[in-house]
């Protein structure tokens, strides 16, 4: 069987999408560890600049996201986001007392982006599990630390041929949430690097390797209303 690139002259363009798809998910928390509280909600505008980099190259691009969350209970929020990883479903589980000065929560998310063009179908799946840790500051402000594990799956199909790239990554972000009026202003810096990369193609054998081609860095500024 011929390789995919012999069947589709656009595969170099598609390969670029695959590379971007493995790195476009957020690597910053973009939220506080505190839940909204039962019956309360919050909206967030997320602005950022992301960069894929290694020792030889740097590729930067802006990001924009909109998110909303609703407090199902005092310790559980459910919500969603439209952003660089497509549409995401989100949850946040507070692990300690809602009134704790040092809140810790788990905030899993799952995102999907679908692209179909010229007989080529692309699917980007992103899964993330950050641990959100809050440290109080004077005047009600808060440091937000968020170590995370992420999994990005990029899948391409062109006729009977296809392939996928799966990248498991680890990273961390640090920010400060400033309480201003009814808003929280959250600037952050985050970085994430591949831990295990797996590639498969229908025409040749695939394999796995530790690490990956490029890491991801992100600077973000989130405006949160409500909660």
N, C-alpha and C. Protein backbone atom coordinates (compact mmCIF):
# COMPACT_ATOMS: atom_id res chain seq x y z
N UNK A 1 0.84 -1.19 0.00
CA UNK A 1 0.00 0.00 0.00
C UNK A 1 0.88 1.24 0.00
N UNK A 2 0.50 2.26 -0.81
CA UNK A 2 1.27 3.47 -0.86
C UNK A 2 1.05 4.27 0.41
N UNK A 3 2.03 5.06 0.83
CA UNK A 3 1.85 5.90 2.00
C UNK A 3 0.81 6.98 1.73
N UNK A 4 0.29 7.55 2.80
CA UNK A 4 -0.77 8.54 2.66
C UNK A 4 -0.34 9.70 1.80
N UNK A 5 0.93 10.12 1.92
CA UNK A 5 1.36 11.30 1.18
C UNK A 5 1.35 11.07 -0.32
N UNK A 6 1.42 9.82 -0.79
CA UNK A 6 1.35 9.55 -2.21
C UNK A 6 -0.08 9.67 -2.71
N UNK A 7 -1.06 9.52 -1.85
CA UNK A 7 -2.46 9.59 -2.25
C UNK A 7 -3.01 11.00 -2.15
N UNK A 8 -2.50 11.79 -1.22
CA UNK A 8 -3.06 13.10 -0.97
C UNK A 8 -1.96 14.16 -0.99
N UNK A 9 -1.95 15.04 -1.99
CA UNK A 9 -0.91 16.08 -2.05
C UNK A 9 -1.04 17.10 -0.94
N UNK A 10 -2.17 17.10 -0.23
CA UNK A 10 -2.36 18.10 0.81
C UNK A 10 -1.84 17.64 2.16
N UNK A 11 -1.19 16.51 2.25
CA UNK A 11 -0.85 15.95 3.55
C UNK A 11 0.18 16.81 4.28
N UNK A 12 1.03 17.56 3.57
CA UNK A 12 1.94 18.46 4.28
C UNK A 12 1.14 19.50 5.05
N UNK A 13 0.08 20.01 4.41
CA UNK A 13 -0.80 20.97 5.10
C UNK A 13 -1.51 20.28 6.26
N UNK A 14 -1.95 19.04 6.03
CA UNK A 14 -2.61 18.29 7.10
C UNK A 14 -1.65 18.02 8.24
N UNK A 15 -0.40 17.71 7.91
CA UNK A 15 0.59 17.46 8.96
C UNK A 15 0.76 18.66 9.88
N UNK A 16 0.67 19.86 9.30
CA UNK A 16 0.75 21.06 10.13
C UNK A 16 -0.41 21.09 11.12
N UNK A 17 -1.61 20.74 10.65
CA UNK A 17 -2.76 20.70 11.54
C UNK A 17 -2.55 19.68 12.66
N UNK A 18 -1.94 18.55 12.31
CA UNK A 18 -1.69 17.54 13.34
C UNK A 18 -0.74 18.07 14.41
N UNK A 19 0.30 18.77 13.98
CA UNK A 19 1.24 19.31 14.95
C UNK A 19 0.57 20.35 15.85
N UNK A 20 -0.24 21.22 15.24
CA UNK A 20 -0.94 22.22 16.03
C UNK A 20 -1.97 21.58 16.93
N UNK A 21 -2.63 20.53 16.45
CA UNK A 21 -3.64 19.86 17.25
C UNK A 21 -3.08 19.25 18.50
N UNK A 22 -1.81 18.84 18.48
CA UNK A 22 -1.19 18.26 19.67
C UNK A 22 -0.80 19.32 20.68
N UNK A 23 -0.82 20.61 20.29
CA UNK A 23 -0.33 21.61 21.21
C UNK A 23 -1.30 22.72 21.53
N UNK A 24 -2.52 22.74 20.92
CA UNK A 24 -3.37 23.91 21.05
C UNK A 24 -4.24 23.88 22.30
N UNK A 25 -4.28 22.81 23.05
CA UNK A 25 -5.05 22.80 24.29
C UNK A 25 -4.38 23.71 25.33
N UNK A 26 -5.20 24.28 26.21
CA UNK A 26 -4.67 25.18 27.23
C UNK A 26 -3.74 24.44 28.19
N UNK A 27 -2.70 25.12 28.63
CA UNK A 27 -1.80 24.56 29.64
C UNK A 27 -1.81 25.42 30.91
N UNK A 28 -2.73 26.39 30.98
CA UNK A 28 -2.94 27.19 32.18
C UNK A 28 -4.26 26.79 32.82
N UNK A 29 -4.44 27.13 34.10
CA UNK A 29 -5.66 26.73 34.81
C UNK A 29 -6.88 27.48 34.30
N UNK A 30 -6.77 28.80 34.09
CA UNK A 30 -7.84 29.66 33.59
C UNK A 30 -9.05 29.71 34.53
N UNK A 31 -8.87 29.31 35.76
CA UNK A 31 -9.92 29.34 36.76
C UNK A 31 -9.30 29.20 38.14
N UNK A 32 -10.10 29.53 39.16
CA UNK A 32 -9.67 29.37 40.54
C UNK A 32 -10.03 27.97 41.04
N UNK A 33 -9.39 27.49 42.11
CA UNK A 33 -9.76 26.18 42.64
C UNK A 33 -11.11 26.17 43.34
N UNK A 34 -11.59 27.33 43.77
CA UNK A 34 -12.88 27.40 44.45
C UNK A 34 -14.02 27.09 43.50
N UNK A 35 -15.02 26.35 43.97
CA UNK A 35 -16.23 26.12 43.21
C UNK A 35 -17.18 27.31 43.36
N UNK A 36 -18.21 27.35 42.51
CA UNK A 36 -19.13 28.48 42.50
C UNK A 36 -20.07 28.50 43.70
N UNK A 37 -20.37 27.30 44.23
CA UNK A 37 -21.40 27.18 45.25
C UNK A 37 -22.72 26.80 44.61
N UNK A 38 -23.52 26.02 45.31
CA UNK A 38 -24.77 25.50 44.75
C UNK A 38 -25.66 26.64 44.26
N UNK A 39 -26.11 26.53 42.99
CA UNK A 39 -27.01 27.51 42.42
C UNK A 39 -26.36 28.74 41.86
N UNK A 40 -25.04 28.88 41.98
CA UNK A 40 -24.32 30.03 41.45
C UNK A 40 -23.58 29.66 40.17
N UNK A 41 -23.24 30.67 39.39
CA UNK A 41 -22.51 30.43 38.14
C UNK A 41 -21.44 31.47 37.92
N UNK A 42 -20.61 31.22 36.93
CA UNK A 42 -19.58 32.19 36.55
C UNK A 42 -19.31 32.10 35.06
N UNK A 43 -18.90 33.22 34.49
CA UNK A 43 -18.50 33.30 33.09
C UNK A 43 -17.06 33.78 33.03
N UNK A 44 -16.31 33.32 32.03
CA UNK A 44 -14.90 33.67 31.94
C UNK A 44 -14.51 33.99 30.49
N UNK A 45 -13.77 35.06 30.32
CA UNK A 45 -13.15 35.41 29.04
C UNK A 45 -11.66 35.13 29.18
N UNK A 46 -11.12 34.28 28.29
CA UNK A 46 -9.74 33.79 28.41
C UNK A 46 -8.91 34.25 27.21
N UNK A 47 -7.94 35.11 27.47
CA UNK A 47 -7.04 35.61 26.44
C UNK A 47 -5.65 35.03 26.69
N UNK A 48 -4.96 34.67 25.62
CA UNK A 48 -3.65 34.08 25.83
C UNK A 48 -2.76 34.12 24.61
N UNK A 49 -1.52 33.78 24.84
CA UNK A 49 -0.52 33.59 23.78
C UNK A 49 0.18 32.28 24.06
N UNK A 50 0.17 31.39 23.08
CA UNK A 50 0.76 30.08 23.25
C UNK A 50 1.93 29.91 22.29
N UNK A 51 2.87 29.06 22.66
CA UNK A 51 4.04 28.82 21.80
C UNK A 51 4.44 27.36 21.87
N UNK A 52 4.65 26.75 20.71
CA UNK A 52 5.27 25.44 20.60
C UNK A 52 6.76 25.66 20.35
N UNK A 53 7.62 24.97 21.11
CA UNK A 53 9.04 25.26 20.99
C UNK A 53 9.88 24.03 21.27
N UNK A 54 11.07 24.03 20.70
CA UNK A 54 12.15 23.12 21.08
C UNK A 54 13.44 23.92 20.97
N UNK A 55 14.58 23.25 20.98
CA UNK A 55 15.85 23.98 20.99
C UNK A 55 16.12 24.71 19.68
N UNK A 56 15.40 24.35 18.59
CA UNK A 56 15.67 24.94 17.29
C UNK A 56 14.56 25.84 16.77
N UNK A 57 13.31 25.65 17.20
CA UNK A 57 12.19 26.38 16.61
C UNK A 57 11.26 26.93 17.68
N UNK A 58 10.52 27.95 17.28
CA UNK A 58 9.50 28.56 18.13
C UNK A 58 8.34 28.99 17.26
N UNK A 59 7.14 28.53 17.58
CA UNK A 59 5.96 28.89 16.81
C UNK A 59 4.91 29.41 17.78
N UNK A 60 4.61 30.71 17.70
CA UNK A 60 3.68 31.35 18.64
C UNK A 60 2.39 31.73 17.94
N UNK A 61 1.30 31.74 18.71
CA UNK A 61 -0.02 32.09 18.16
C UNK A 61 -0.93 32.49 19.32
N UNK A 62 -1.90 33.38 19.07
CA UNK A 62 -2.82 33.82 20.12
C UNK A 62 -3.91 32.78 20.36
N UNK A 63 -4.52 32.83 21.55
CA UNK A 63 -5.65 31.97 21.88
C UNK A 63 -6.76 32.81 22.49
N UNK A 64 -7.98 32.34 22.32
CA UNK A 64 -9.15 33.02 22.86
C UNK A 64 -10.16 31.97 23.27
N UNK A 65 -10.75 32.11 24.45
CA UNK A 65 -11.74 31.15 24.91
C UNK A 65 -12.83 31.82 25.71
N UNK A 66 -14.01 31.18 25.71
CA UNK A 66 -15.14 31.59 26.53
C UNK A 66 -15.59 30.38 27.33
N UNK A 67 -15.78 30.56 28.64
CA UNK A 67 -16.15 29.43 29.49
C UNK A 67 -17.28 29.84 30.42
N UNK A 68 -18.07 28.84 30.80
CA UNK A 68 -19.12 29.05 31.78
C UNK A 68 -19.23 27.84 32.69
N UNK A 69 -19.46 28.08 33.97
CA UNK A 69 -19.58 27.00 34.95
C UNK A 69 -20.74 27.27 35.89
N UNK A 70 -21.36 26.19 36.37
CA UNK A 70 -22.52 26.30 37.25
C UNK A 70 -22.33 25.37 38.45
N UNK A 71 -22.65 25.87 39.63
CA UNK A 71 -22.50 25.08 40.85
C UNK A 71 -23.66 24.14 41.07
N UNK A 72 -23.44 22.85 40.81
CA UNK A 72 -24.47 21.83 41.05
C UNK A 72 -24.64 21.61 42.55
N UNK A 73 -23.53 21.52 43.27
CA UNK A 73 -23.51 21.50 44.73
C UNK A 73 -22.42 22.46 45.18
N UNK A 74 -22.23 22.59 46.48
CA UNK A 74 -21.17 23.46 46.97
C UNK A 74 -19.78 22.95 46.59
N UNK A 75 -19.67 21.67 46.26
CA UNK A 75 -18.37 21.07 45.96
C UNK A 75 -18.24 20.57 44.52
N UNK A 76 -19.23 20.85 43.68
CA UNK A 76 -19.20 20.35 42.30
C UNK A 76 -19.70 21.41 41.33
N UNK A 77 -18.85 21.76 40.36
CA UNK A 77 -19.22 22.63 39.24
C UNK A 77 -19.21 21.82 37.95
N UNK A 78 -20.14 22.12 37.07
CA UNK A 78 -20.15 21.58 35.71
C UNK A 78 -20.21 22.75 34.74
N UNK A 79 -19.56 22.58 33.58
CA UNK A 79 -19.57 23.68 32.62
C UNK A 79 -18.96 23.29 31.29
N UNK A 80 -18.67 24.30 30.50
CA UNK A 80 -18.11 24.07 29.18
C UNK A 80 -17.29 25.25 28.72
N UNK A 81 -16.52 25.03 27.68
CA UNK A 81 -15.65 26.06 27.12
C UNK A 81 -15.62 25.92 25.61
N UNK A 82 -15.59 27.06 24.92
CA UNK A 82 -15.27 27.11 23.50
C UNK A 82 -13.93 27.83 23.39
N UNK A 83 -12.92 27.14 22.85
CA UNK A 83 -11.59 27.74 22.84
C UNK A 83 -10.67 27.06 21.86
N UNK A 84 -9.36 27.11 22.10
CA UNK A 84 -8.38 26.58 21.14
C UNK A 84 -8.45 25.08 20.94
N UNK A 85 -9.01 24.34 21.88
CA UNK A 85 -9.16 22.89 21.68
C UNK A 85 -10.59 22.53 21.28
N UNK A 86 -11.30 23.48 20.68
CA UNK A 86 -12.66 23.23 20.23
C UNK A 86 -13.66 23.39 21.36
N UNK A 87 -14.62 22.49 21.41
CA UNK A 87 -15.62 22.52 22.48
C UNK A 87 -15.19 21.58 23.59
N UNK A 88 -15.22 22.07 24.82
CA UNK A 88 -14.81 21.28 25.98
C UNK A 88 -15.95 21.13 26.97
N UNK A 89 -16.03 19.98 27.56
CA UNK A 89 -16.87 19.76 28.74
C UNK A 89 -15.97 19.79 29.96
N UNK A 90 -16.43 20.45 31.03
CA UNK A 90 -15.60 20.65 32.20
C UNK A 90 -16.34 20.23 33.47
N UNK A 91 -15.58 19.85 34.46
CA UNK A 91 -16.10 19.61 35.81
C UNK A 91 -15.05 20.08 36.80
N UNK A 92 -15.50 20.40 38.00
CA UNK A 92 -14.56 20.76 39.06
C UNK A 92 -15.07 20.18 40.38
N UNK A 93 -14.21 19.37 41.00
CA UNK A 93 -14.55 18.69 42.26
C UNK A 93 -13.69 19.27 43.38
N UNK A 94 -14.31 19.95 44.31
CA UNK A 94 -13.58 20.49 45.45
C UNK A 94 -13.29 19.36 46.42
N UNK A 95 -12.02 19.22 46.81
CA UNK A 95 -11.60 18.08 47.64
C UNK A 95 -11.64 18.36 49.13
N UNK A 96 -11.81 19.62 49.52
CA UNK A 96 -11.88 19.93 50.94
C UNK A 96 -13.10 20.81 51.22
N UNK A 97 -13.16 21.38 52.38
CA UNK A 97 -14.32 22.19 52.78
C UNK A 97 -14.45 23.42 51.89
N UNK A 98 -15.68 23.76 51.44
CA UNK A 98 -15.86 24.95 50.59
C UNK A 98 -15.36 26.24 51.23
N UNK A 99 -15.26 26.28 52.56
CA UNK A 99 -14.80 27.49 53.24
C UNK A 99 -13.31 27.46 53.55
N UNK A 100 -12.61 26.47 53.08
CA UNK A 100 -11.18 26.36 53.35
C UNK A 100 -10.41 27.53 52.76
N UNK A 101 -9.41 28.01 53.49
CA UNK A 101 -8.56 29.08 52.98
C UNK A 101 -7.54 28.55 51.97
N UNK A 102 -7.35 27.24 51.96
CA UNK A 102 -6.40 26.61 51.04
C UNK A 102 -7.15 25.57 50.19
N UNK A 103 -8.01 26.01 49.28
CA UNK A 103 -8.82 25.06 48.51
C UNK A 103 -7.99 24.24 47.54
N UNK A 104 -8.36 22.98 47.39
CA UNK A 104 -7.73 22.08 46.42
C UNK A 104 -8.85 21.38 45.65
N UNK A 105 -8.75 21.36 44.33
CA UNK A 105 -9.80 20.74 43.53
C UNK A 105 -9.20 20.03 42.32
N UNK A 106 -9.96 19.08 41.79
CA UNK A 106 -9.67 18.44 40.51
C UNK A 106 -10.59 19.05 39.46
N UNK A 107 -10.03 19.37 38.28
CA UNK A 107 -10.82 20.03 37.24
C UNK A 107 -10.65 19.33 35.90
N UNK A 108 -11.19 18.10 35.73
CA UNK A 108 -11.03 17.38 34.47
C UNK A 108 -11.80 18.05 33.33
N UNK A 109 -11.28 17.92 32.13
CA UNK A 109 -11.95 18.44 30.94
C UNK A 109 -11.69 17.52 29.75
N UNK A 110 -12.61 17.57 28.79
CA UNK A 110 -12.47 16.79 27.55
C UNK A 110 -12.91 17.67 26.39
N UNK A 111 -12.03 17.80 25.38
CA UNK A 111 -12.30 18.67 24.24
C UNK A 111 -12.26 17.93 22.93
N UNK A 112 -12.97 18.48 21.93
CA UNK A 112 -13.05 17.87 20.60
C UNK A 112 -13.06 18.95 19.54
N UNK A 113 -12.22 18.77 18.50
CA UNK A 113 -12.24 19.60 17.30
C UNK A 113 -12.37 18.69 16.09
N UNK A 114 -13.27 19.04 15.16
CA UNK A 114 -13.52 18.23 13.97
C UNK A 114 -13.27 19.08 12.73
N UNK A 115 -12.45 18.56 11.80
CA UNK A 115 -12.18 19.23 10.53
C UNK A 115 -12.31 18.22 9.40
N UNK A 116 -13.10 18.56 8.38
CA UNK A 116 -13.27 17.71 7.21
C UNK A 116 -13.10 18.58 5.97
N UNK A 117 -12.12 18.24 5.12
CA UNK A 117 -11.88 19.02 3.93
C UNK A 117 -11.21 18.18 2.86
N UNK A 118 -11.70 18.30 1.63
CA UNK A 118 -11.06 17.65 0.49
C UNK A 118 -10.87 16.16 0.62
N UNK A 119 -11.81 15.46 1.25
CA UNK A 119 -11.67 14.02 1.44
C UNK A 119 -10.79 13.62 2.60
N UNK A 120 -10.31 14.59 3.34
CA UNK A 120 -9.46 14.33 4.51
C UNK A 120 -10.23 14.69 5.76
N UNK A 121 -10.31 13.77 6.70
CA UNK A 121 -11.02 14.00 7.96
C UNK A 121 -10.02 14.05 9.10
N UNK A 122 -10.14 15.06 9.94
CA UNK A 122 -9.26 15.21 11.09
C UNK A 122 -10.09 15.32 12.36
N UNK A 123 -9.61 14.65 13.40
CA UNK A 123 -10.25 14.71 14.70
C UNK A 123 -9.17 14.98 15.75
N UNK A 124 -9.37 15.99 16.56
CA UNK A 124 -8.45 16.32 17.64
C UNK A 124 -9.18 16.15 18.97
N UNK A 125 -8.70 15.26 19.81
CA UNK A 125 -9.28 15.02 21.13
C UNK A 125 -8.27 15.46 22.19
N UNK A 126 -8.74 16.22 23.16
CA UNK A 126 -7.87 16.67 24.24
C UNK A 126 -8.50 16.36 25.59
N UNK A 127 -7.73 15.73 26.46
CA UNK A 127 -8.19 15.40 27.81
C UNK A 127 -7.17 15.98 28.80
N UNK A 128 -7.68 16.56 29.88
CA UNK A 128 -6.79 17.20 30.84
C UNK A 128 -7.27 16.93 32.26
N UNK A 129 -6.31 16.75 33.18
CA UNK A 129 -6.62 16.56 34.59
C UNK A 129 -5.68 17.43 35.42
N UNK A 130 -6.05 18.71 35.63
CA UNK A 130 -5.26 19.56 36.51
C UNK A 130 -5.71 19.45 37.96
N UNK A 131 -4.76 19.64 38.87
CA UNK A 131 -5.05 19.79 40.29
C UNK A 131 -4.89 21.28 40.61
N UNK A 132 -5.95 21.93 41.05
CA UNK A 132 -5.93 23.36 41.31
C UNK A 132 -5.71 23.60 42.80
N UNK A 133 -4.70 24.37 43.12
CA UNK A 133 -4.32 24.63 44.52
C UNK A 133 -4.35 26.13 44.75
N UNK A 134 -5.10 26.57 45.76
CA UNK A 134 -5.19 27.98 46.08
C UNK A 134 -4.45 28.33 47.36
N UNK A 135 -3.69 29.42 47.30
CA UNK A 135 -2.95 29.92 48.47
C UNK A 135 -3.39 31.36 48.70
N UNK A 136 -3.93 31.68 49.89
CA UNK A 136 -4.47 33.03 50.11
C UNK A 136 -3.39 34.09 50.18
N UNK A 137 -3.74 35.29 49.70
CA UNK A 137 -2.91 36.47 49.80
C UNK A 137 -3.69 37.57 50.53
N UNK A 138 -3.02 38.61 50.99
CA UNK A 138 -3.75 39.71 51.63
C UNK A 138 -4.80 40.33 50.70
N UNK A 139 -5.83 40.91 51.31
CA UNK A 139 -6.90 41.62 50.60
C UNK A 139 -7.73 40.70 49.71
N UNK A 140 -7.76 39.42 50.03
CA UNK A 140 -8.63 38.50 49.32
C UNK A 140 -8.09 37.96 48.02
N UNK A 141 -6.88 38.31 47.64
CA UNK A 141 -6.29 37.78 46.41
C UNK A 141 -5.80 36.35 46.65
N UNK A 142 -5.38 35.68 45.59
CA UNK A 142 -5.07 34.25 45.71
C UNK A 142 -4.03 33.81 44.68
N UNK A 143 -3.02 33.06 45.12
CA UNK A 143 -2.12 32.38 44.20
C UNK A 143 -2.78 31.08 43.74
N UNK A 144 -2.70 30.80 42.45
CA UNK A 144 -3.28 29.57 41.89
C UNK A 144 -2.17 28.75 41.25
N UNK A 145 -1.92 27.56 41.78
CA UNK A 145 -0.92 26.64 41.25
C UNK A 145 -1.65 25.42 40.69
N UNK A 146 -1.28 24.99 39.48
CA UNK A 146 -2.05 23.93 38.82
C UNK A 146 -1.14 22.95 38.08
N UNK A 147 -0.60 21.93 38.77
CA UNK A 147 0.05 20.83 38.05
C UNK A 147 -0.99 20.03 37.28
N UNK A 148 -0.59 19.43 36.14
CA UNK A 148 -1.57 18.75 35.31
C UNK A 148 -0.97 17.60 34.51
N UNK A 149 -1.84 16.66 34.16
CA UNK A 149 -1.56 15.64 33.16
C UNK A 149 -2.54 15.84 32.00
N UNK A 150 -2.06 15.67 30.79
CA UNK A 150 -2.90 15.87 29.60
C UNK A 150 -2.66 14.77 28.59
N UNK A 151 -3.67 14.53 27.78
CA UNK A 151 -3.56 13.56 26.69
C UNK A 151 -4.18 14.18 25.45
N UNK A 152 -3.41 14.24 24.35
CA UNK A 152 -3.87 14.81 23.09
C UNK A 152 -3.81 13.74 22.01
N UNK A 153 -4.93 13.49 21.37
CA UNK A 153 -5.01 12.49 20.31
C UNK A 153 -5.41 13.19 19.02
N UNK A 154 -4.56 13.09 17.99
CA UNK A 154 -4.82 13.66 16.68
C UNK A 154 -4.99 12.52 15.68
N UNK A 155 -6.14 12.49 15.01
CA UNK A 155 -6.47 11.39 14.10
C UNK A 155 -6.77 11.93 12.71
N UNK A 156 -6.19 11.27 11.68
CA UNK A 156 -6.41 11.67 10.31
C UNK A 156 -6.84 10.45 9.50
N UNK A 157 -7.79 10.65 8.59
CA UNK A 157 -8.17 9.59 7.66
C UNK A 157 -8.36 10.19 6.28
N UNK A 158 -7.85 9.48 5.26
CA UNK A 158 -7.96 9.90 3.86
C UNK A 158 -8.28 8.65 3.05
N UNK A 159 -9.57 8.44 2.76
CA UNK A 159 -9.98 7.22 2.10
C UNK A 159 -9.80 6.04 3.02
N UNK A 160 -9.12 5.00 2.52
CA UNK A 160 -8.89 3.81 3.32
C UNK A 160 -7.64 3.91 4.19
N UNK A 161 -6.88 4.98 4.02
CA UNK A 161 -5.66 5.17 4.79
C UNK A 161 -5.92 6.09 5.98
N UNK A 162 -5.09 5.96 6.99
CA UNK A 162 -5.26 6.81 8.16
C UNK A 162 -4.11 6.66 9.12
N UNK A 163 -4.14 7.49 10.14
CA UNK A 163 -3.10 7.44 11.16
C UNK A 163 -3.50 8.28 12.36
N UNK A 164 -2.72 8.16 13.41
CA UNK A 164 -2.99 8.95 14.61
C UNK A 164 -1.69 9.21 15.36
N UNK A 165 -1.73 10.29 16.12
CA UNK A 165 -0.64 10.65 17.03
C UNK A 165 -1.25 10.86 18.40
N UNK A 166 -0.72 10.19 19.40
CA UNK A 166 -1.20 10.37 20.77
C UNK A 166 -0.03 10.84 21.64
N UNK A 167 -0.24 11.94 22.36
CA UNK A 167 0.81 12.53 23.17
C UNK A 167 0.30 12.72 24.59
N UNK A 168 0.97 12.07 25.55
CA UNK A 168 0.69 12.26 26.97
C UNK A 168 1.71 13.26 27.51
N UNK A 169 1.23 14.31 28.17
CA UNK A 169 2.11 15.39 28.62
C UNK A 169 1.89 15.69 30.10
N UNK A 170 2.88 16.34 30.68
CA UNK A 170 2.79 16.81 32.06
C UNK A 170 3.25 18.26 32.12
N UNK A 171 2.66 19.03 33.01
CA UNK A 171 3.04 20.43 33.09
C UNK A 171 2.51 21.08 34.35
N UNK A 172 2.66 22.41 34.41
CA UNK A 172 2.22 23.15 35.58
C UNK A 172 2.05 24.62 35.19
N UNK A 173 1.12 25.29 35.84
CA UNK A 173 0.95 26.72 35.66
C UNK A 173 0.88 27.40 37.02
N UNK A 174 1.25 28.68 37.04
CA UNK A 174 1.21 29.49 38.26
C UNK A 174 0.62 30.84 37.90
N UNK A 175 -0.32 31.31 38.71
CA UNK A 175 -0.93 32.61 38.48
C UNK A 175 -1.37 33.25 39.77
N UNK A 176 -1.83 34.48 39.67
CA UNK A 176 -2.37 35.21 40.82
C UNK A 176 -3.74 35.73 40.45
N UNK A 177 -4.75 35.38 41.25
CA UNK A 177 -6.12 35.84 41.03
C UNK A 177 -6.36 37.09 41.88
N UNK A 178 -6.62 38.22 41.21
CA UNK A 178 -6.87 39.48 41.88
C UNK A 178 -8.37 39.74 41.95
N UNK A 179 -8.88 39.98 43.14
CA UNK A 179 -10.31 40.24 43.33
C UNK A 179 -10.55 41.73 43.17
N UNK A 180 -11.23 42.11 42.08
CA UNK A 180 -11.51 43.51 41.76
C UNK A 180 -12.99 43.66 41.48
N UNK A 181 -13.70 44.39 42.37
CA UNK A 181 -15.14 44.59 42.22
C UNK A 181 -15.81 43.23 42.23
N UNK A 182 -16.64 42.92 41.20
CA UNK A 182 -17.28 41.61 41.11
C UNK A 182 -16.49 40.66 40.21
N UNK A 183 -15.26 41.00 39.92
CA UNK A 183 -14.46 40.23 38.97
C UNK A 183 -13.27 39.60 39.67
N UNK A 184 -12.78 38.52 39.04
CA UNK A 184 -11.47 37.97 39.34
C UNK A 184 -10.61 38.13 38.09
N UNK A 185 -9.44 38.73 38.25
CA UNK A 185 -8.49 38.90 37.15
C UNK A 185 -7.33 37.95 37.40
N UNK A 186 -7.10 37.03 36.45
CA UNK A 186 -6.16 35.92 36.67
C UNK A 186 -5.11 35.86 35.57
N UNK A 187 -3.95 36.52 35.75
CA UNK A 187 -2.82 36.31 34.83
C UNK A 187 -2.05 35.05 35.23
N UNK A 188 -1.57 34.29 34.23
CA UNK A 188 -0.88 33.03 34.51
C UNK A 188 0.24 32.78 33.51
N UNK A 189 1.18 31.96 33.93
CA UNK A 189 2.20 31.40 33.05
C UNK A 189 2.19 29.89 33.23
N UNK A 190 2.23 29.16 32.11
CA UNK A 190 2.20 27.70 32.19
C UNK A 190 3.13 27.08 31.17
N UNK A 191 3.57 25.87 31.45
CA UNK A 191 4.42 25.12 30.53
C UNK A 191 4.06 23.65 30.61
N UNK A 192 4.16 22.97 29.48
CA UNK A 192 3.80 21.55 29.40
C UNK A 192 4.72 20.86 28.41
N UNK A 193 5.19 19.67 28.75
CA UNK A 193 6.12 18.94 27.90
C UNK A 193 5.64 17.51 27.70
N UNK A 194 5.85 16.93 26.51
CA UNK A 194 5.44 15.55 26.26
C UNK A 194 6.21 14.56 27.13
N UNK A 195 5.49 13.54 27.61
CA UNK A 195 6.10 12.46 28.38
C UNK A 195 6.19 11.19 27.56
N UNK A 196 5.14 10.88 26.82
CA UNK A 196 5.09 9.68 25.99
C UNK A 196 4.34 9.98 24.71
N UNK A 197 4.96 9.68 23.56
CA UNK A 197 4.35 9.94 22.25
C UNK A 197 4.21 8.63 21.49
N UNK A 198 3.04 8.44 20.90
CA UNK A 198 2.75 7.23 20.12
C UNK A 198 2.22 7.62 18.75
N UNK A 199 2.75 6.99 17.70
CA UNK A 199 2.30 7.25 16.33
C UNK A 199 1.92 5.94 15.67
N UNK A 200 0.81 5.95 14.92
CA UNK A 200 0.35 4.79 14.18
C UNK A 200 -0.11 5.22 12.80
N UNK A 201 0.18 4.37 11.79
CA UNK A 201 -0.33 4.58 10.43
C UNK A 201 -0.82 3.25 9.89
N UNK A 202 -1.81 3.34 9.00
CA UNK A 202 -2.39 2.11 8.47
C UNK A 202 -1.47 1.40 7.49
N UNK A 203 -0.47 2.13 6.93
CA UNK A 203 0.37 1.53 5.89
C UNK A 203 1.74 1.10 6.39
N UNK A 204 2.15 1.56 7.57
CA UNK A 204 3.44 1.17 8.12
C UNK A 204 3.26 0.92 9.61
N UNK A 205 4.24 0.27 10.21
CA UNK A 205 4.16 0.01 11.64
C UNK A 205 4.44 1.29 12.42
N UNK A 206 3.78 1.42 13.56
CA UNK A 206 3.97 2.59 14.40
C UNK A 206 4.89 2.28 15.57
N UNK A 207 4.87 3.16 16.54
CA UNK A 207 5.71 2.95 17.71
C UNK A 207 5.53 4.05 18.72
N UNK A 208 6.16 3.88 19.88
CA UNK A 208 6.08 4.84 20.97
C UNK A 208 7.48 5.27 21.36
N UNK A 209 7.56 6.48 21.89
CA UNK A 209 8.83 7.00 22.36
C UNK A 209 8.60 7.90 23.55
N UNK A 210 9.55 7.95 24.46
CA UNK A 210 9.45 8.86 25.58
C UNK A 210 9.77 10.27 25.12
N UNK A 211 9.01 11.22 25.64
CA UNK A 211 9.20 12.61 25.24
C UNK A 211 8.45 12.90 23.95
N UNK A 212 8.79 14.00 23.31
CA UNK A 212 8.13 14.40 22.08
C UNK A 212 8.90 15.52 21.42
N UNK A 213 8.39 15.96 20.28
CA UNK A 213 9.12 16.92 19.47
C UNK A 213 9.20 18.30 20.11
N UNK A 214 8.06 18.79 20.64
CA UNK A 214 8.02 20.16 21.12
C UNK A 214 7.22 20.29 22.41
N UNK A 215 7.62 21.23 23.24
CA UNK A 215 6.88 21.57 24.45
C UNK A 215 5.97 22.76 24.16
N UNK A 216 5.08 23.07 25.10
CA UNK A 216 4.14 24.16 24.95
C UNK A 216 4.25 25.11 26.14
N UNK A 217 4.34 26.40 25.85
CA UNK A 217 4.31 27.43 26.88
C UNK A 217 3.12 28.34 26.63
N UNK A 218 2.58 28.91 27.70
CA UNK A 218 1.41 29.76 27.54
C UNK A 218 1.42 30.88 28.59
N UNK A 219 1.14 32.07 28.12
CA UNK A 219 0.83 33.19 28.99
C UNK A 219 -0.63 33.54 28.78
N UNK A 220 -1.38 33.72 29.85
CA UNK A 220 -2.82 33.95 29.70
C UNK A 220 -3.30 35.00 30.68
N UNK A 221 -4.44 35.60 30.34
CA UNK A 221 -5.11 36.56 31.21
C UNK A 221 -6.60 36.25 31.15
N UNK A 222 -7.16 35.85 32.29
CA UNK A 222 -8.56 35.44 32.35
C UNK A 222 -9.35 36.42 33.21
N UNK A 223 -10.50 36.84 32.68
CA UNK A 223 -11.43 37.69 33.42
C UNK A 223 -12.64 36.83 33.81
N UNK A 224 -12.88 36.67 35.11
CA UNK A 224 -13.95 35.82 35.61
C UNK A 224 -15.00 36.68 36.30
N UNK A 225 -16.24 36.51 35.90
CA UNK A 225 -17.35 37.23 36.52
C UNK A 225 -18.30 36.22 37.18
N UNK A 226 -18.63 36.45 38.43
CA UNK A 226 -19.55 35.58 39.14
C UNK A 226 -18.83 34.65 40.09
N UNK A 227 -19.49 33.51 40.38
CA UNK A 227 -18.91 32.56 41.30
C UNK A 227 -19.33 32.85 42.73
